C-alpha atoms as a PDB file:
ATOM      1  CA  MET A   1     -98.066 -87.167   3.825  1.00  0.00           C
ATOM      2  CA  GLU A   2     -95.071 -87.116   1.505  1.00  0.00           C
ATOM      3  CA  GLU A   3     -95.784 -87.150  -2.228  1.00  0.00           C
ATOM      4  CA  VAL A   4     -94.279 -90.080  -4.108  1.00  0.00           C
ATOM      5  CA  ARG A   5     -92.737 -89.333  -7.497  1.00  0.00           C
ATOM      6  CA  TYR A   6     -92.656 -91.985 -10.201  1.00  0.00           C
ATOM      7  CA  HIS A   7     -89.989 -91.896 -12.880  1.00  0.00           C
ATOM      8  CA  PHE A   8     -91.517 -94.634 -15.005  1.00  0.00           C
ATOM      9  CA  GLY A   9     -95.167 -95.116 -15.917  1.00  0.00           C
ATOM     10  CA  ALA A  10     -94.901 -98.828 -15.212  1.00  0.00           C
ATOM     11  CA  SER A  11     -93.949 -98.146 -11.589  1.00  0.00           C
ATOM     12  CA  LEU A  12     -97.048 -96.027 -11.124  1.00  0.00           C
ATOM     13  CA  VAL A  13     -99.349 -98.589 -12.735  1.00  0.00           C
ATOM     14  CA  LEU A  14     -97.873-101.459 -10.729  1.00  0.00           C
ATOM     15  CA  SER A  15     -98.269 -99.514  -7.491  1.00  0.00           C
ATOM     16  CA  ILE A  16    -101.984 -99.103  -8.253  1.00  0.00           C
ATOM     17  CA  ILE A  17    -102.832-102.592  -9.549  1.00  0.00           C
ATOM     18  CA  SER A  18    -100.560-104.772  -7.424  1.00  0.00           C
ATOM     19  CA  GLY A  19    -102.204-107.541  -5.460  1.00  0.00           C
ATOM     20  CA  LYS A  20    -103.951-110.843  -5.973  1.00  0.00           C
ATOM     21  CA  TRP A  21    -107.393-109.519  -6.854  1.00  0.00           C
ATOM     22  CA  LYS A  22    -106.866-106.242  -8.695  1.00  0.00           C
ATOM     23  CA  PRO A  23    -105.879-107.719 -12.093  1.00  0.00           C
ATOM     24  CA  PRO A  24    -108.912-110.070 -12.209  1.00  0.00           C
ATOM     25  CA  ILE A  25    -111.179-107.209 -11.086  1.00  0.00           C
ATOM     26  CA  ILE A  26    -109.829-104.980 -13.850  1.00  0.00           C
ATOM     27  CA  CYS A  27    -110.282-107.766 -16.437  1.00  0.00           C
ATOM     28  CA  GLU A  28    -113.903-108.291 -15.395  1.00  0.00           C
ATOM     29  CA  LEU A  29    -114.631-104.565 -15.477  1.00  0.00           C
ATOM     30  CA  ASP A  30    -112.965-104.274 -18.888  1.00  0.00           C
ATOM     31  CA  GLU A  31    -115.606-106.631 -20.287  1.00  0.00           C
ATOM     32  CA  GLY A  32    -118.298-104.138 -19.307  1.00  0.00           C
ATOM     33  CA  ALA A  33    -119.919-102.471 -16.356  1.00  0.00           C
ATOM     34  CA  HIS A  34    -121.060-104.812 -13.617  1.00  0.00           C
ATOM     35  CA  ARG A  35    -123.180-104.404 -10.577  1.00  0.00           C
ATOM     36  CA  TYR A  36    -121.335-105.221  -7.379  1.00  0.00           C
ATOM     37  CA  ASN A  37    -122.980-108.632  -6.898  1.00  0.00           C
ATOM     38  CA  GLU A  38    -122.426-109.573 -10.551  1.00  0.00           C
ATOM     39  CA  LEU A  39    -118.739-108.724 -10.237  1.00  0.00           C
ATOM     40  CA  HIS A  40    -118.483-110.716  -6.999  1.00  0.00           C
ATOM     41  CA  GLU A  41    -120.135-113.764  -8.614  1.00  0.00           C
ATOM     42  CA  GLN A  42    -117.947-113.595 -11.740  1.00  0.00           C
ATOM     43  CA  LEU A  43    -114.743-113.382  -9.718  1.00  0.00           C
ATOM     44  CA  ASN A  44    -115.732-116.315  -7.515  1.00  0.00           C
ATOM     45  CA  GLN A  45    -116.873-118.409 -10.456  1.00  0.00           C
ATOM     46  CA  HIS A  46    -113.347-118.557 -11.900  1.00  0.00           C
ATOM     47  CA  ASN A  47    -111.317-118.885  -8.709  1.00  0.00           C
ATOM     48  CA  ALA A  48    -110.705-121.788  -6.342  1.00  0.00           C
ATOM     49  CA  HIS A  49    -110.284-119.382  -3.403  1.00  0.00           C
ATOM     50  CA  PRO A  50    -113.237-116.975  -3.514  1.00  0.00           C
ATOM     51  CA  ILE A  51    -112.966-113.338  -2.553  1.00  0.00           C
ATOM     52  CA  SER A  52    -115.191-112.184   0.301  1.00  0.00           C
ATOM     53  CA  GLN A  53    -117.506-109.219  -0.095  1.00  0.00           C
ATOM     54  CA  LYS A  54    -115.367-107.329   2.398  1.00  0.00           C
ATOM     55  CA  GLY A  55    -112.242-108.166   0.385  1.00  0.00           C
ATOM     56  CA  LEU A  56    -113.832-107.061  -2.884  1.00  0.00           C
ATOM     57  CA  THR A  57    -115.003-103.798  -1.348  1.00  0.00           C
ATOM     58  CA  GLU A  58    -111.506-103.073  -0.024  1.00  0.00           C
ATOM     59  CA  GLN A  59    -109.860-103.879  -3.368  1.00  0.00           C
ATOM     60  CA  LEU A  60    -112.289-101.629  -5.254  1.00  0.00           C
ATOM     61  CA  ARG A  61    -111.671 -98.799  -2.787  1.00  0.00           C
ATOM     62  CA  GLN A  62    -107.894 -99.193  -3.159  1.00  0.00           C
ATOM     63  CA  LEU A  63    -108.205 -99.057  -6.948  1.00  0.00           C
ATOM     64  CA  GLU A  64    -110.401 -95.990  -6.703  1.00  0.00           C
ATOM     65  CA  ARG A  65    -107.978 -94.243  -4.322  1.00  0.00           C
ATOM     66  CA  GLY A  66    -105.028 -95.077  -6.556  1.00  0.00           C
ATOM     67  CA  LEU A  67    -106.750 -93.625  -9.590  1.00  0.00           C
ATOM     68  CA  ASP A  68    -107.916 -90.546  -7.671  1.00  0.00           C
ATOM     69  CA  ARG A  69    -104.381 -89.797  -6.475  1.00  0.00           C
ATOM     70  CA  HIS A  70    -102.845 -89.897  -9.957  1.00  0.00           C
ATOM     71  CA  PRO A  71    -105.540 -88.806 -12.425  1.00  0.00           C
ATOM     72  CA  ASN A  72    -103.195 -86.986 -14.830  1.00  0.00           C
ATOM     73  CA  GLN A  73    -100.331 -89.458 -14.718  1.00  0.00           C
ATOM     74  CA  LEU A  74    -102.129 -92.481 -16.199  1.00  0.00           C
END
């Protein structure tokens, strides 16, 4: 797989956090550590279109992969 180079920090951050659910997930986690079910409930409490458990799991994995790929660049 070809390595992607980022010339601006904003490009890197946006590539990691882009999507409908990642910003709200990050905001909830910024308020403190949550258990999975607590996070799921909080996200669905404030949104008219709830996220499924499968969707939340996938979004968390994508965030984790993005942070694992660029640990020294953030």
